[in-house]
């Protein structure tokens, strides 16, 4: 874990607390990285990690192909955060209500993958 302090942590603008929450869960909430780089989307942070620019945090479903191909590694697979929450909004009295209810029930059954930090191989 100490090596993480020598790397750039790649942040995602829409999830500014992701690294802070993960580091706290890992018991290293006071860790100060060498640098941080904030990108607009998970896909950009993943590509930056593939390009060796730092260590990214992303849902495991987004990186499984890169891990399998050896482009990325999961240095701390035992530490993960809970999945993000999703919300559905439908208008009352909508003719699509039955279909919407079916989709919502499916989402409730879905077991999303946790976020895991990824870095250069």
PDB file of N, CA and C in Angstrom:
ATOM      1  N   UNK A   1       0.831  -1.194   0.000  1.00  0.00           N
ATOM      2  CA  UNK A   1       0.000   0.000   0.000  1.00  0.00           C
ATOM      3  C   UNK A   1       0.870   1.250   0.000  1.00  0.00           C
ATOM      4  N   UNK A   2       2.019   1.197   0.639  1.00  0.00           N
ATOM      5  CA  UNK A   2       2.900   2.355   0.690  1.00  0.00           C
ATOM      6  C   UNK A   2       3.358   2.812  -0.680  1.00  0.00           C
ATOM      7  N   UNK A   3       3.500   1.869  -1.609  1.00  0.00           N
ATOM      8  CA  UNK A   3       3.898   2.229  -2.976  1.00  0.00           C
ATOM      9  C   UNK A   3       2.879   3.138  -3.644  1.00  0.00           C
ATOM     10  N   UNK A   4       1.637   3.037  -3.241  1.00  0.00           N
ATOM     11  CA  UNK A   4       0.583   3.854  -3.842  1.00  0.00           C
ATOM     12  C   UNK A   4       0.870   5.343  -3.668  1.00  0.00           C
ATOM     13  N   UNK A   5       1.559   5.702  -2.602  1.00  0.00           N
ATOM     14  CA  UNK A   5       1.892   7.111  -2.347  1.00  0.00           C
ATOM     15  C   UNK A   5       2.871   7.660  -3.376  1.00  0.00           C
ATOM     16  N   UNK A   6       3.557   6.803  -4.096  1.00  0.00           N
ATOM     17  CA  UNK A   6       4.518   7.257  -5.113  1.00  0.00           C
ATOM     18  C   UNK A   6       3.912   7.371  -6.501  1.00  0.00           C
ATOM     19  N   UNK A   7       2.625   7.139  -6.604  1.00  0.00           N
ATOM     20  CA  UNK A   7       1.953   7.154  -7.905  1.00  0.00           C
ATOM     21  C   UNK A   7       0.961   8.306  -8.018  1.00  0.00           C
ATOM     22  N   UNK A   8       0.564   8.566  -9.252  1.00  0.00           N
ATOM     23  CA  UNK A   8      -0.509   9.513  -9.532  1.00  0.00           C
ATOM     24  C   UNK A   8      -1.832   8.764  -9.422  1.00  0.00           C
ATOM     25  N   UNK A   9      -2.753   9.315  -8.638  1.00  0.00           N
ATOM     26  CA  UNK A   9      -4.080   8.722  -8.547  1.00  0.00           C
ATOM     27  C   UNK A   9      -4.969   9.394  -9.579  1.00  0.00           C
ATOM     28  N   UNK A  10      -5.535   8.589 -10.446  1.00  0.00           N
ATOM     29  CA  UNK A  10      -6.401   9.078 -11.516  1.00  0.00           C
ATOM     30  C   UNK A  10      -7.823   9.150 -10.987  1.00  0.00           C
ATOM     31  N   UNK A  11      -8.365  10.345 -10.938  1.00  0.00           N
ATOM     32  CA  UNK A  11      -9.688  10.585 -10.387  1.00  0.00           C
ATOM     33  C   UNK A  11     -10.701  10.745 -11.516  1.00  0.00           C
ATOM     34  N   UNK A  12     -11.961  10.520 -11.180  1.00  0.00           N
ATOM     35  CA  UNK A  12     -13.062  10.744 -12.116  1.00  0.00           C
ATOM     36  C   UNK A  12     -13.879  11.914 -11.580  1.00  0.00           C
ATOM     37  N   UNK A  13     -14.094  12.918 -12.410  1.00  0.00           N
ATOM     38  CA  UNK A  13     -14.744  14.154 -11.965  1.00  0.00           C
ATOM     39  C   UNK A  13     -16.110  13.912 -11.330  1.00  0.00           C
ATOM     40  N   UNK A  14     -16.864  12.965 -11.850  1.00  0.00           N
ATOM     41  CA  UNK A  14     -18.210  12.720 -11.332  1.00  0.00           C
ATOM     42  C   UNK A  14     -18.211  11.920 -10.024  1.00  0.00           C
ATOM     43  N   UNK A  15     -17.054  11.409  -9.626  1.00  0.00           N
ATOM     44  CA  UNK A  15     -16.939  10.609  -8.398  1.00  0.00           C
ATOM     45  C   UNK A  15     -15.771  11.122  -7.555  1.00  0.00           C
ATOM     46  N   UNK A  16     -15.816  12.369  -7.102  1.00  0.00           N
ATOM     47  CA  UNK A  16     -14.658  12.971  -6.435  1.00  0.00           C
ATOM     48  C   UNK A  16     -14.259  12.307  -5.113  1.00  0.00           C
ATOM     49  N   UNK A  17     -15.156  11.575  -4.475  1.00  0.00           N
ATOM     50  CA  UNK A  17     -14.842  10.941  -3.189  1.00  0.00           C
ATOM     51  C   UNK A  17     -14.371   9.498  -3.327  1.00  0.00           C
ATOM     52  N   UNK A  18     -14.305   8.969  -4.518  1.00  0.00           N
ATOM     53  CA  UNK A  18     -14.017   7.554  -4.729  1.00  0.00           C
ATOM     54  C   UNK A  18     -12.695   7.120  -4.103  1.00  0.00           C
ATOM     55  N   UNK A  19     -11.616   7.818  -4.418  1.00  0.00           N
ATOM     56  CA  UNK A  19     -10.314   7.448  -3.847  1.00  0.00           C
ATOM     57  C   UNK A  19     -10.305   7.646  -2.337  1.00  0.00           C
ATOM     58  N   UNK A  20     -10.854   8.746  -1.880  1.00  0.00           N
ATOM     59  CA  UNK A  20     -10.879   9.013  -0.438  1.00  0.00           C
ATOM     60  C   UNK A  20     -11.614   7.898   0.306  1.00  0.00           C
ATOM     61  N   UNK A  21     -12.762   7.497  -0.215  1.00  0.00           N
ATOM     62  CA  UNK A  21     -13.544   6.432   0.418  1.00  0.00           C
ATOM     63  C   UNK A  21     -12.799   5.108   0.379  1.00  0.00           C
ATOM     64  N   UNK A  22     -12.171   4.803  -0.756  1.00  0.00           N
ATOM     65  CA  UNK A  22     -11.449   3.536  -0.889  1.00  0.00           C
ATOM     66  C   UNK A  22     -10.241   3.510   0.056  1.00  0.00           C
ATOM     67  N   UNK A  23      -9.485   4.600   0.096  1.00  0.00           N
ATOM     68  CA  UNK A  23      -8.321   4.658   0.991  1.00  0.00           C
ATOM     69  C   UNK A  23      -8.739   4.530   2.452  1.00  0.00           C
ATOM     70  N   UNK A  24      -9.847   5.140   2.829  1.00  0.00           N
ATOM     71  CA  UNK A  24     -10.352   5.020   4.200  1.00  0.00           C
ATOM     72  C   UNK A  24     -10.719   3.574   4.497  1.00  0.00           C
ATOM     73  N   UNK A  25     -11.383   2.903   3.562  1.00  0.00           N
ATOM     74  CA  UNK A  25     -11.751   1.504   3.759  1.00  0.00           C
ATOM     75  C   UNK A  25     -10.506   0.624   3.864  1.00  0.00           C
ATOM     76  N   UNK A  26      -9.459   0.994   3.139  1.00  0.00           N
ATOM     77  CA  UNK A  26      -8.204   0.231   3.172  1.00  0.00           C
ATOM     78  C   UNK A  26      -7.375   0.544   4.415  1.00  0.00           C
ATOM     79  N   UNK A  27      -7.826   1.512   5.220  1.00  0.00           N
ATOM     80  CA  UNK A  27      -7.090   1.871   6.433  1.00  0.00           C
ATOM     81  C   UNK A  27      -5.944   2.822   6.188  1.00  0.00           C
ATOM     82  N   UNK A  28      -5.967   3.527   5.059  1.00  0.00           N
ATOM     83  CA  UNK A  28      -4.903   4.464   4.699  1.00  0.00           C
ATOM     84  C   UNK A  28      -5.483   5.815   4.298  1.00  0.00           C
ATOM     85  N   UNK A  29      -6.448   6.289   5.070  1.00  0.00           N
ATOM     86  CA  UNK A  29      -7.133   7.536   4.750  1.00  0.00           C
ATOM     87  C   UNK A  29      -6.226   8.749   4.705  1.00  0.00           C
ATOM     88  N   UNK A  30      -5.067   8.694   5.368  1.00  0.00           N
ATOM     89  CA  UNK A  30      -4.144   9.837   5.387  1.00  0.00           C
ATOM     90  C   UNK A  30      -3.118   9.785   4.254  1.00  0.00           C
ATOM     91  N   UNK A  31      -3.182   8.771   3.398  1.00  0.00           N
ATOM     92  CA  UNK A  31      -2.197   8.628   2.322  1.00  0.00           C
ATOM     93  C   UNK A  31      -2.238   9.833   1.393  1.00  0.00           C
ATOM     94  N   UNK A  32      -1.080  10.400   1.110  1.00  0.00           N
ATOM     95  CA  UNK A  32      -0.944  11.514   0.169  1.00  0.00           C
ATOM     96  C   UNK A  32      -0.240  10.997  -1.084  1.00  0.00           C
ATOM     97  N   UNK A  33      -0.918  10.988  -2.230  1.00  0.00           N
ATOM     98  CA  UNK A  33      -0.284  10.501  -3.455  1.00  0.00           C
ATOM     99  C   UNK A  33       0.742  11.497  -3.976  1.00  0.00           C
ATOM    100  N   UNK A  34       1.603  11.025  -4.853  1.00  0.00           N
ATOM    101  CA  UNK A  34       2.589  11.902  -5.489  1.00  0.00           C
ATOM    102  C   UNK A  34       1.885  13.000  -6.285  1.00  0.00           C
ATOM    103  N   UNK A  35       0.758  12.644  -6.896  1.00  0.00           N
ATOM    104  CA  UNK A  35      -0.010  13.604  -7.684  1.00  0.00           C
ATOM    105  C   UNK A  35      -1.406  13.036  -7.915  1.00  0.00           C
ATOM    106  N   UNK A  36      -2.298  13.876  -8.378  1.00  0.00           N
ATOM    107  CA  UNK A  36      -3.622  13.424  -8.809  1.00  0.00           C
ATOM    108  C   UNK A  36      -3.901  14.029 -10.180  1.00  0.00           C
ATOM    109  N   UNK A  37      -4.698  13.332 -10.939  1.00  0.00           N
ATOM    110  CA  UNK A  37      -5.126  13.805 -12.253  1.00  0.00           C
ATOM    111  C   UNK A  37      -6.611  13.492 -12.351  1.00  0.00           C
ATOM    112  N   UNK A  38      -7.422  14.512 -12.580  1.00  0.00           N
ATOM    113  CA  UNK A  38      -8.867  14.313 -12.659  1.00  0.00           C
ATOM    114  C   UNK A  38      -9.297  14.307 -14.117  1.00  0.00           C
ATOM    115  N   UNK A  39     -10.025  13.256 -14.478  1.00  0.00           N
ATOM    116  CA  UNK A  39     -10.526  13.087 -15.839  1.00  0.00           C
ATOM    117  C   UNK A  39     -12.050  13.070 -15.809  1.00  0.00           C
ATOM    118  N   UNK A  40     -12.660  13.272 -16.966  1.00  0.00           N
ATOM    119  CA  UNK A  40     -14.109  13.424 -17.028  1.00  0.00           C
ATOM    120  C   UNK A  40     -14.901  12.129 -16.909  1.00  0.00           C
ATOM    121  N   UNK A  41     -14.315  10.998 -17.223  1.00  0.00           N
ATOM    122  CA  UNK A  41     -15.097   9.763 -17.274  1.00  0.00           C
ATOM    123  C   UNK A  41     -14.238   8.568 -16.892  1.00  0.00           C
ATOM    124  N   UNK A  42     -14.897   7.507 -16.414  1.00  0.00           N
ATOM    125  CA  UNK A  42     -14.188   6.268 -16.080  1.00  0.00           C
ATOM    126  C   UNK A  42     -13.350   5.761 -17.251  1.00  0.00           C
ATOM    127  N   UNK A  43     -13.914   5.808 -18.449  1.00  0.00           N
ATOM    128  CA  UNK A  43     -13.201   5.279 -19.611  1.00  0.00           C
ATOM    129  C   UNK A  43     -11.890   6.025 -19.855  1.00  0.00           C
ATOM    130  N   UNK A  44     -11.877   7.322 -19.622  1.00  0.00           N
ATOM    131  CA  UNK A  44     -10.639   8.091 -19.782  1.00  0.00           C
ATOM    132  C   UNK A  44      -9.628   7.726 -18.704  1.00  0.00           C
ATOM    133  N   UNK A  45     -10.096   7.518 -17.473  1.00  0.00           N
ATOM    134  CA  UNK A  45      -9.160   7.150 -16.409  1.00  0.00           C
ATOM    135  C   UNK A  45      -8.599   5.752 -16.647  1.00  0.00           C
ATOM    136  N   UNK A  46      -9.413   4.858 -17.156  1.00  0.00           N
ATOM    137  CA  UNK A  46      -8.926   3.508 -17.473  1.00  0.00           C
ATOM    138  C   UNK A  46      -7.869   3.582 -18.563  1.00  0.00           C
ATOM    139  N   UNK A  47      -8.137   4.351 -19.615  1.00  0.00           N
ATOM    140  CA  UNK A  47      -7.148   4.480 -20.692  1.00  0.00           C
ATOM    141  C   UNK A  47      -5.867   5.120 -20.174  1.00  0.00           C
ATOM    142  N   UNK A  48      -5.982   6.092 -19.280  1.00  0.00           N
ATOM    143  CA  UNK A  48      -4.790   6.716 -18.700  1.00  0.00           C
ATOM    144  C   UNK A  48      -3.980   5.685 -17.908  1.00  0.00           C
ATOM    145  N   UNK A  49      -4.656   4.789 -17.200  1.00  0.00           N
ATOM    146  CA  UNK A  49      -3.951   3.722 -16.472  1.00  0.00           C
ATOM    147  C   UNK A  49      -3.268   2.773 -17.453  1.00  0.00           C
ATOM    148  N   UNK A  50      -3.965   2.405 -18.532  1.00  0.00           N
ATOM    149  CA  UNK A  50      -3.362   1.543 -19.566  1.00  0.00           C
ATOM    150  C   UNK A  50      -2.116   2.208 -20.142  1.00  0.00           C
ATOM    151  N   UNK A  51      -2.168   3.537 -20.307  1.00  0.00           N
ATOM    152  CA  UNK A  51      -1.045   4.283 -20.864  1.00  0.00           C
ATOM    153  C   UNK A  51       0.058   4.559 -19.844  1.00  0.00           C
ATOM    154  N   UNK A  52      -0.124   4.079 -18.604  1.00  0.00           N
ATOM    155  CA  UNK A  52       0.918   4.227 -17.587  1.00  0.00           C
ATOM    156  C   UNK A  52       0.961   5.575 -16.903  1.00  0.00           C
ATOM    157  N   UNK A  53      -0.136   6.330 -16.943  1.00  0.00           N
ATOM    158  CA  UNK A  53      -0.147   7.666 -16.344  1.00  0.00           C
ATOM    159  C   UNK A  53      -0.462   7.660 -14.852  1.00  0.00           C
ATOM    160  N   UNK A  54      -0.910   6.532 -14.329  1.00  0.00           N
ATOM    161  CA  UNK A  54      -1.227   6.467 -12.913  1.00  0.00           C
ATOM    162  C   UNK A  54      -2.091   5.275 -12.581  1.00  0.00           C
ATOM    163  N   UNK A  55      -2.712   5.353 -11.413  1.00  0.00           N
ATOM    164  CA  UNK A  55      -3.557   4.275 -10.903  1.00  0.00           C
ATOM    165  C   UNK A  55      -4.998   4.769 -10.909  1.00  0.00           C
ATOM    166  N   UNK A  56      -5.875   3.990 -11.517  1.00  0.00           N
ATOM    167  CA  UNK A  56      -7.277   4.375 -11.659  1.00  0.00           C
ATOM    168  C   UNK A  56      -8.160   3.524 -10.763  1.00  0.00           C
ATOM    169  N   UNK A  57      -9.346   4.018 -10.532  1.00  0.00           N
ATOM    170  CA  UNK A  57     -10.384   3.289  -9.812  1.00  0.00           C
ATOM    171  C   UNK A  57     -11.547   3.162 -10.785  1.00  0.00           C
ATOM    172  N   UNK A  58     -12.061   1.931 -10.945  1.00  0.00           N
ATOM    173  CA  UNK A  58     -13.162   1.727 -11.889  1.00  0.00           C
ATOM    174  C   UNK A  58     -13.936   0.477 -11.516  1.00  0.00           C
ATOM    175  N   UNK A  59     -15.184   0.410 -11.946  1.00  0.00           N
ATOM    176  CA  UNK A  59     -15.941  -0.829 -11.744  1.00  0.00           C
ATOM    177  C   UNK A  59     -15.245  -1.988 -12.451  1.00  0.00           C
ATOM    178  N   UNK A  60     -15.186  -3.125 -11.789  1.00  0.00           N
ATOM    179  CA  UNK A  60     -14.459  -4.266 -12.355  1.00  0.00           C
ATOM    180  C   UNK A  60     -15.020  -4.706 -13.702  1.00  0.00           C
ATOM    181  N   UNK A  61     -16.314  -4.513 -13.940  1.00  0.00           N
ATOM    182  CA  UNK A  61     -16.882  -4.902 -15.225  1.00  0.00           C
ATOM    183  C   UNK A  61     -16.302  -4.096 -16.381  1.00  0.00           C
ATOM    184  N   UNK A  62     -15.820  -2.879 -16.109  1.00  0.00           N
ATOM    185  CA  UNK A  62     -15.250  -2.049 -17.172  1.00  0.00           C
ATOM    186  C   UNK A  62     -13.809  -2.422 -17.490  1.00  0.00           C
ATOM    187  N   UNK A  63     -13.139  -3.128 -16.598  1.00  0.00           N
ATOM    188  CA  UNK A  63     -11.717  -3.420 -16.813  1.00  0.00           C
ATOM    189  C   UNK A  63     -11.412  -4.895 -17.022  1.00  0.00           C
ATOM    190  N   UNK A  64     -12.415  -5.751 -16.953  1.00  0.00           N
ATOM    191  CA  UNK A  64     -12.135  -7.191 -16.995  1.00  0.00           C
ATOM    192  C   UNK A  64     -11.397  -7.612 -18.265  1.00  0.00           C
ATOM    193  N   UNK A  65     -11.716  -7.027 -19.414  1.00  0.00           N
ATOM    194  CA  UNK A  65     -10.998  -7.379 -20.650  1.00  0.00           C
ATOM    195  C   UNK A  65      -9.537  -6.936 -20.586  1.00  0.00           C
ATOM    196  N   UNK A  66      -9.289  -5.728 -20.044  1.00  0.00           N
ATOM    197  CA  UNK A  66      -7.911  -5.233 -19.927  1.00  0.00           C
ATOM    198  C   UNK A  66      -7.104  -6.066 -18.939  1.00  0.00           C
ATOM    199  N   UNK A  67      -7.727  -6.504 -17.856  1.00  0.00           N
ATOM    200  CA  UNK A  67      -7.034  -7.364 -16.884  1.00  0.00           C
ATOM    201  C   UNK A  67      -6.730  -8.708 -17.530  1.00  0.00           C
ATOM    202  N   UNK A  68      -7.713  -9.295 -18.198  1.00  0.00           N
ATOM    203  CA  UNK A  68      -7.538 -10.589 -18.852  1.00  0.00           C
ATOM    204  C   UNK A  68      -6.427 -10.527 -19.911  1.00  0.00           C
ATOM    205  N   UNK A  69      -6.331  -9.383 -20.623  1.00  0.00           N
ATOM    206  CA  UNK A  69      -5.318  -9.217 -21.674  1.00  0.00           C
ATOM    207  C   UNK A  69      -3.956  -8.813 -21.114  1.00  0.00           C
ATOM    208  N   UNK A  70      -3.876  -8.552 -19.804  1.00  0.00           N
ATOM    209  CA  UNK A  70      -2.603  -8.177 -19.204  1.00  0.00           C
ATOM    210  C   UNK A  70      -2.247  -6.707 -19.340  1.00  0.00           C
ATOM    211  N   UNK A  71      -3.189  -5.884 -19.800  1.00  0.00           N
ATOM    212  CA  UNK A  71      -2.923  -4.449 -19.918  1.00  0.00           C
ATOM    213  C   UNK A  71      -3.032  -3.743 -18.570  1.00  0.00           C
ATOM    214  N   UNK A  72      -3.827  -4.314 -17.655  1.00  0.00           N
ATOM    215  CA  UNK A  72      -4.002  -3.756 -16.315  1.00  0.00           C
ATOM    216  C   UNK A  72      -3.922  -4.869 -15.284  1.00  0.00           C
ATOM    217  N   UNK A  73      -3.630  -4.480 -14.063  1.00  0.00           N
ATOM    218  CA  UNK A  73      -3.647  -5.415 -12.933  1.00  0.00           C
ATOM    219  C   UNK A  73      -4.516  -4.806 -11.832  1.00  0.00           C
ATOM    220  N   UNK A  74      -5.031  -5.658 -10.971  1.00  0.00           N
ATOM    221  CA  UNK A  74      -5.769  -5.180  -9.800  1.00  0.00           C
ATOM    222  C   UNK A  74      -4.866  -5.412  -8.593  1.00  0.00           C
ATOM    223  N   UNK A  75      -4.141  -4.370  -8.161  1.00  0.00           N
ATOM    224  CA  UNK A  75      -3.142  -4.555  -7.108  1.00  0.00           C
ATOM    225  C   UNK A  75      -3.728  -4.867  -5.729  1.00  0.00           C
ATOM    226  N   UNK A  76      -4.988  -4.515  -5.484  1.00  0.00           N
ATOM    227  CA  UNK A  76      -5.610  -4.752  -4.179  1.00  0.00           C
ATOM    228  C   UNK A  76      -7.000  -5.346  -4.365  1.00  0.00           C
ATOM    229  N   UNK A  77      -7.108  -6.543  -4.931  1.00  0.00           N
ATOM    230  CA  UNK A  77      -8.437  -7.099  -5.240  1.00  0.00           C
ATOM    231  C   UNK A  77      -9.289  -7.391  -4.002  1.00  0.00           C
ATOM    232  N   UNK A  78      -8.667  -7.481  -2.843  1.00  0.00           N
ATOM    233  CA  UNK A  78      -9.412  -7.804  -1.628  1.00  0.00           C
ATOM    234  C   UNK A  78     -10.140  -6.589  -1.042  1.00  0.00           C
ATOM    235  N   UNK A  79      -9.860  -5.387  -1.547  1.00  0.00           N
ATOM    236  CA  UNK A  79     -10.493  -4.173  -1.029  1.00  0.00           C
ATOM    237  C   UNK A  79     -11.406  -3.605  -2.117  1.00  0.00           C
ATOM    238  N   UNK A  80     -12.674  -3.455  -1.800  1.00  0.00           N
ATOM    239  CA  UNK A  80     -13.609  -2.906  -2.784  1.00  0.00           C
ATOM    240  C   UNK A  80     -14.653  -2.050  -2.086  1.00  0.00           C
ATOM    241  N   UNK A  81     -15.278  -1.225  -2.863  1.00  0.00           N
ATOM    242  CA  UNK A  81     -16.368  -0.378  -2.385  1.00  0.00           C
ATOM    243  C   UNK A  81     -17.690  -0.945  -2.883  1.00  0.00           C
ATOM    244  N   UNK A  82     -18.778  -0.639  -2.197  1.00  0.00           N
ATOM    245  CA  UNK A  82     -20.077  -1.097  -2.704  1.00  0.00           C
ATOM    246  C   UNK A  82     -20.398  -0.440  -4.036  1.00  0.00           C
ATOM    247  N   UNK A  83     -21.228  -1.092  -4.790  1.00  0.00           N
ATOM    248  CA  UNK A  83     -21.644  -0.567  -6.091  1.00  0.00           C
ATOM    249  C   UNK A  83     -22.414   0.733  -5.925  1.00  0.00           C
ATOM    250  N   UNK A  84     -22.419   1.505  -6.990  1.00  0.00           N
ATOM    251  CA  UNK A  84     -23.206   2.743  -7.009  1.00  0.00           C
ATOM    252  C   UNK A  84     -24.687   2.408  -6.990  1.00  0.00           C
ATOM    253  N   UNK A  85     -25.469   3.352  -6.587  1.00  0.00           N
ATOM    254  CA  UNK A  85     -26.918   3.182  -6.580  1.00  0.00           C
ATOM    255  C   UNK A  85     -27.522   3.758  -7.861  1.00  0.00           C
ATOM    256  N   UNK A  86     -28.558   3.133  -8.315  1.00  0.00           N
ATOM    257  CA  UNK A  86     -29.276   3.616  -9.487  1.00  0.00           C
ATOM    258  C   UNK A  86     -30.720   3.859  -9.089  1.00  0.00           C
ATOM    259  N   UNK A  87     -31.317   4.864  -9.698  1.00  0.00           N
ATOM    260  CA  UNK A  87     -32.695   5.222  -9.394  1.00  0.00           C
ATOM    261  C   UNK A  87     -33.472   5.315 -10.689  1.00  0.00           C
ATOM    262  N   UNK A  88     -34.720   4.877 -10.641  1.00  0.00           N
ATOM    263  CA  UNK A  88     -35.597   4.972 -11.805  1.00  0.00           C
ATOM    264  C   UNK A  88     -36.736   5.915 -11.456  1.00  0.00           C
ATOM    265  N   UNK A  89     -37.094   6.762 -12.407  1.00  0.00           N
ATOM    266  CA  UNK A  89     -38.187   7.708 -12.225  1.00  0.00           C
ATOM    267  C   UNK A  89     -39.165   7.506 -13.374  1.00  0.00           C
ATOM    268  N   UNK A  90     -40.418   7.320 -13.038  1.00  0.00           N
ATOM    269  CA  UNK A  90     -41.449   7.150 -14.062  1.00  0.00           C
ATOM    270  C   UNK A  90     -42.643   8.033 -13.705  1.00  0.00           C
ATOM    271  N   UNK A  91     -43.321   8.574 -14.712  1.00  0.00           N
ATOM    272  CA  UNK A  91     -44.493   9.399 -14.425  1.00  0.00           C
ATOM    273  C   UNK A  91     -45.669   8.533 -13.953  1.00  0.00           C
ATOM    274  N   UNK A  92     -46.430   9.045 -12.990  1.00  0.00           N
ATOM    275  CA  UNK A  92     -47.628   8.344 -12.538  1.00  0.00           C
ATOM    276  C   UNK A  92     -48.630   8.256 -13.676  1.00  0.00           C
ATOM    277  N   UNK A  93     -49.276   7.120 -13.767  1.00  0.00           N
ATOM    278  CA  UNK A  93     -50.307   6.956 -14.790  1.00  0.00           C
ATOM    279  C   UNK A  93     -49.777   6.765 -16.198  1.00  0.00           C
ATOM    280  N   UNK A  94     -48.506   6.505 -16.357  1.00  0.00           N
ATOM    281  CA  UNK A  94     -47.919   6.325 -17.682  1.00  0.00           C
ATOM    282  C   UNK A  94     -48.377   4.996 -18.290  1.00  0.00           C
ATOM    283  N   UNK A  95     -48.649   4.973 -19.613  1.00  0.00           N
ATOM    284  CA  UNK A  95     -49.014   3.705 -20.255  1.00  0.00           C
ATOM    285  C   UNK A  95     -47.841   2.712 -20.251  1.00  0.00           C
ATOM    286  N   UNK A  96     -46.651   3.199 -19.986  1.00  0.00           N
ATOM    287  CA  UNK A  96     -45.477   2.324 -19.920  1.00  0.00           C
ATOM    288  C   UNK A  96     -45.215   1.818 -18.508  1.00  0.00           C
ATOM    289  N   UNK A  97     -46.128   2.057 -17.587  1.00  0.00           N
ATOM    290  CA  UNK A  97     -45.912   1.716 -16.180  1.00  0.00           C
ATOM    291  C   UNK A  97     -45.561   0.234 -15.977  1.00  0.00           C
ATOM    292  N   UNK A  98     -46.277  -0.686 -16.619  1.00  0.00           N
ATOM    293  CA  UNK A  98     -46.006  -2.119 -16.442  1.00  0.00           C
ATOM    294  C   UNK A  98     -44.589  -2.460 -16.918  1.00  0.00           C
ATOM    295  N   UNK A  99     -44.211  -1.916 -18.061  1.00  0.00           N
ATOM    296  CA  UNK A  99     -42.853  -2.165 -18.570  1.00  0.00           C
ATOM    297  C   UNK A  99     -41.815  -1.561 -17.641  1.00  0.00           C
ATOM    298  N   UNK A 100     -42.094  -0.365 -17.142  1.00  0.00           N
ATOM    299  CA  UNK A 100     -41.176   0.294 -16.214  1.00  0.00           C
ATOM    300  C   UNK A 100     -41.020  -0.519 -14.941  1.00  0.00           C
ATOM    301  N   UNK A 101     -42.111  -1.042 -14.416  1.00  0.00           N
ATOM    302  CA  UNK A 101     -42.055  -1.863 -13.209  1.00  0.00           C
ATOM    303  C   UNK A 101     -41.218  -3.117 -13.441  1.00  0.00           C
ATOM    304  N   UNK A 102     -41.336  -3.712 -14.621  1.00  0.00           N
ATOM    305  CA  UNK A 102     -40.551  -4.905 -14.946  1.00  0.00           C
ATOM    306  C   UNK A 102     -39.059  -4.581 -14.966  1.00  0.00           C
ATOM    307  N   UNK A 103     -38.700  -3.470 -15.604  1.00  0.00           N
ATOM    308  CA  UNK A 103     -37.296  -3.042 -15.660  1.00  0.00           C
ATOM    309  C   UNK A 103     -36.778  -2.748 -14.252  1.00  0.00           C
ATOM    310  N   UNK A 104     -37.562  -2.058 -13.454  1.00  0.00           N
ATOM    311  CA  UNK A 104     -37.141  -1.724 -12.084  1.00  0.00           C
ATOM    312  C   UNK A 104     -36.931  -2.987 -11.251  1.00  0.00           C
ATOM    313  N   UNK A 105     -37.800  -3.967 -11.412  1.00  0.00           N
ATOM    314  CA  UNK A 105     -37.643  -5.231 -10.680  1.00  0.00           C
ATOM    315  C   UNK A 105     -36.347  -5.917 -11.103  1.00  0.00           C
ATOM    316  N   UNK A 106     -36.046  -5.875 -12.396  1.00  0.00           N
ATOM    317  CA  UNK A 106     -34.803  -6.489 -12.881  1.00  0.00           C
ATOM    318  C   UNK A 106     -33.594  -5.771 -12.294  1.00  0.00           C
ATOM    319  N   UNK A 107     -33.620  -4.452 -12.261  1.00  0.00           N
ATOM    320  CA  UNK A 107     -32.501  -3.678 -11.706  1.00  0.00           C
ATOM    321  C   UNK A 107     -32.301  -4.033 -10.235  1.00  0.00           C
ATOM    322  N   UNK A 108     -33.380  -4.184  -9.491  1.00  0.00           N
ATOM    323  CA  UNK A 108     -33.278  -4.523  -8.078  1.00  0.00           C
ATOM    324  C   UNK A 108     -32.626  -5.883  -7.859  1.00  0.00           C
ATOM    325  N   UNK A 109     -32.790  -6.814  -8.801  1.00  0.00           N
ATOM    326  CA  UNK A 109     -32.201  -8.149  -8.686  1.00  0.00           C
ATOM    327  C   UNK A 109     -30.741  -8.178  -9.127  1.00  0.00           C
ATOM    328  N   UNK A 110     -30.333  -7.180  -9.901  1.00  0.00           N
ATOM    329  CA  UNK A 110     -28.984  -7.163 -10.464  1.00  0.00           C
ATOM    330  C   UNK A 110     -27.950  -6.979  -9.369  1.00  0.00           C
ATOM    331  N   UNK A 111     -26.903  -7.792  -9.411  1.00  0.00           N
ATOM    332  CA  UNK A 111     -25.825  -7.694  -8.435  1.00  0.00           C
ATOM    333  C   UNK A 111     -24.623  -7.076  -9.115  1.00  0.00           C
ATOM    334  N   UNK A 112     -24.456  -5.749  -9.001  1.00  0.00           N
ATOM    335  CA  UNK A 112     -23.366  -5.038  -9.660  1.00  0.00           C
ATOM    336  C   UNK A 112     -22.020  -5.367  -9.057  1.00  0.00           C
ATOM    337  N   UNK A 113     -20.965  -5.156  -9.833  1.00  0.00           N
ATOM    338  CA  UNK A 113     -19.604  -5.435  -9.383  1.00  0.00           C
ATOM    339  C   UNK A 113     -19.034  -4.236  -8.640  1.00  0.00           C
ATOM    340  N   UNK A 114     -18.231  -4.464  -7.595  1.00  0.00           N
ATOM    341  CA  UNK A 114     -17.640  -3.355  -6.847  1.00  0.00           C
ATOM    342  C   UNK A 114     -16.518  -2.679  -7.627  1.00  0.00           C
ATOM    343  N   UNK A 115     -16.195  -1.473  -7.230  1.00  0.00           N
ATOM    344  CA  UNK A 115     -15.073  -0.750  -7.824  1.00  0.00           C
ATOM    345  C   UNK A 115     -13.774  -1.229  -7.225  1.00  0.00           C
ATOM    346  N   UNK A 116     -12.760  -1.355  -8.064  1.00  0.00           N
ATOM    347  CA  UNK A 116     -11.461  -1.820  -7.620  1.00  0.00           C
ATOM    348  C   UNK A 116     -10.395  -0.960  -8.260  1.00  0.00           C
ATOM    349  N   UNK A 117      -9.330  -0.579  -7.548  1.00  0.00           N
ATOM    350  CA  UNK A 117      -8.284   0.227  -8.183  1.00  0.00           C
ATOM    351  C   UNK A 117      -7.514  -0.599  -9.203  1.00  0.00           C
ATOM    352  N   UNK A 118      -7.132   0.050 -10.281  1.00  0.00           N
ATOM    353  CA  UNK A 118      -6.344  -0.604 -11.317  1.00  0.00           C
ATOM    354  C   UNK A 118      -5.154   0.268 -11.645  1.00  0.00           C
ATOM    355  N   UNK A 119      -4.079  -0.358 -12.073  1.00  0.00           N
ATOM    356  CA  UNK A 119      -2.887   0.406 -12.407  1.00  0.00           C
ATOM    357  C   UNK A 119      -2.150  -0.219 -13.569  1.00  0.00           C
ATOM    358  N   UNK A 120      -1.051   0.376 -13.883  1.00  0.00           N
ATOM    359  CA  UNK A 120      -0.254  -0.112 -14.992  1.00  0.00           C
ATOM    360  C   UNK A 120       0.306  -1.493 -14.645  1.00  0.00           C
ATOM    361  N   UNK A 121       0.436  -2.401 -15.656  1.00  0.00           N
ATOM    362  CA  UNK A 121       0.948  -3.746 -15.373  1.00  0.00           C
ATOM    363  C   UNK A 121       2.407  -3.729 -14.954  1.00  0.00           C
TER     364      UNK A 121
END
